[in-house]
Amino acid sequence: MRLRFLGIIPNTPVDDSPTIWLDEDTGDLMIQSYKATPEEVEACQDVGSIPGHSTNVPSHETIVRLPAVMLEYIPRPEGGNGEVPRT
């Protein structure tokens, strides 16, 4: 796995630092952020996703809250082909 640091919330304390990395081999994002509260998870489950799809969060998944300021660090597709740019 080749990770590239993309960004961290500026001026965060040492122990409270939402961060984003890019896996340059797969294009996947690795995100350190705040765990969703039980109330936030329930709200996501209430909204749901697509008909017939479970709203349960499996034990190998989680819901994280990504602060809006972190969106600037997420790579955008080049040329609209849906691929994350790799370097």
Protein backbone atom coordinates (compact mmCIF):
# COMPACT_ATOMS: atom_id res chain seq x y z
CA MET A 1 0.00 0.00 0.00
CA ARG A 2 1.44 3.36 -1.04
CA LEU A 3 -0.28 6.13 0.92
CA ARG A 4 0.01 9.81 0.15
CA PHE A 5 -0.98 12.39 2.76
CA LEU A 6 -3.65 14.72 1.37
CA GLY A 7 -4.63 16.97 4.24
CA ILE A 8 -5.46 17.62 7.85
CA ILE A 9 -7.78 20.16 9.44
CA PRO A 10 -5.59 23.21 9.97
CA ASN A 11 -4.85 24.28 13.55
CA THR A 12 -6.15 21.08 15.13
CA PRO A 13 -4.95 19.95 18.52
CA VAL A 14 -2.47 17.08 18.66
CA ASP A 15 -5.09 14.47 19.60
CA ASP A 16 -8.02 15.67 17.47
CA SER A 17 -6.89 15.70 13.87
CA PRO A 18 -9.20 14.55 11.05
CA THR A 19 -6.83 13.51 8.26
CA ILE A 20 -7.11 12.13 4.71
CA TRP A 21 -4.67 9.91 2.79
CA LEU A 22 -4.87 8.49 -0.74
CA ASP A 23 -3.94 4.88 -1.50
CA GLU A 24 -2.05 5.47 -4.72
CA ASP A 25 -2.38 1.83 -5.77
CA THR A 26 -6.20 1.68 -5.62
CA GLY A 27 -7.35 5.31 -5.51
CA ASP A 28 -9.14 4.59 -2.22
CA LEU A 29 -9.25 7.25 0.48
CA MET A 30 -8.20 6.51 4.04
CA ILE A 31 -10.01 8.86 6.41
CA GLN A 32 -9.39 9.53 10.09
CA SER A 33 -12.31 11.49 11.44
CA TYR A 34 -14.98 11.60 14.11
CA LYS A 35 -17.08 8.49 14.76
CA ALA A 36 -20.72 9.14 14.10
CA THR A 37 -22.75 9.26 17.28
CA PRO A 38 -25.50 6.69 17.81
CA GLU A 39 -28.02 9.44 16.99
CA GLU A 40 -26.24 10.23 13.70
CA VAL A 41 -26.11 6.53 12.75
CA GLU A 42 -29.83 6.23 13.50
CA ALA A 43 -30.54 9.29 11.34
CA CYS A 44 -28.59 7.70 8.46
CA GLN A 45 -30.56 4.49 8.92
CA ASP A 46 -33.84 6.43 8.94
CA VAL A 47 -32.97 8.07 5.61
CA GLY A 48 -31.77 4.76 4.13
CA SER A 49 -30.14 4.35 0.75
CA ILE A 50 -31.77 2.35 -2.02
CA PRO A 51 -34.94 0.23 -1.85
CA GLY A 52 -34.29 -3.26 -0.53
CA HIS A 53 -30.85 -2.44 0.86
CA SER A 54 -30.30 -2.95 4.57
CA THR A 55 -29.70 0.11 6.72
CA ASN A 56 -27.76 -1.91 9.29
CA VAL A 57 -24.07 -1.05 9.62
CA PRO A 58 -22.09 -4.30 9.51
CA SER A 59 -19.45 -4.88 12.19
CA HIS A 60 -16.66 -4.45 9.59
CA GLU A 61 -17.96 -0.98 8.57
CA THR A 62 -18.59 2.30 10.37
CA ILE A 63 -20.05 5.73 9.68
CA VAL A 64 -17.70 8.67 10.14
CA ARG A 65 -18.47 12.38 10.24
CA LEU A 66 -16.18 14.24 7.83
CA PRO A 67 -16.01 17.98 8.59
CA ALA A 68 -16.91 20.07 5.53
CA VAL A 69 -13.52 21.80 5.62
CA MET A 70 -11.96 18.43 4.73
CA LEU A 71 -13.73 18.30 1.35
CA GLU A 72 -11.02 20.50 -0.15
CA TYR A 73 -8.53 17.64 0.30
CA ILE A 74 -10.56 15.02 -1.58
CA PRO A 75 -9.19 14.49 -5.11
CA ARG A 76 -11.55 15.33 -7.94
CA PRO A 77 -11.79 13.26 -11.11
CA GLU A 78 -9.94 14.67 -14.07
CA GLY A 79 -11.84 14.70 -17.33
CA GLY A 80 -15.06 13.51 -15.71
CA ASN A 81 -14.24 9.82 -16.13
CA GLY A 82 -14.79 9.03 -12.47
CA GLU A 83 -11.18 8.00 -11.86
CA VAL A 84 -9.19 9.49 -9.01
CA PRO A 85 -5.94 11.05 -10.29
CA ARG A 86 -2.85 9.08 -9.29
CA THR A 87 0.69 10.37 -9.12
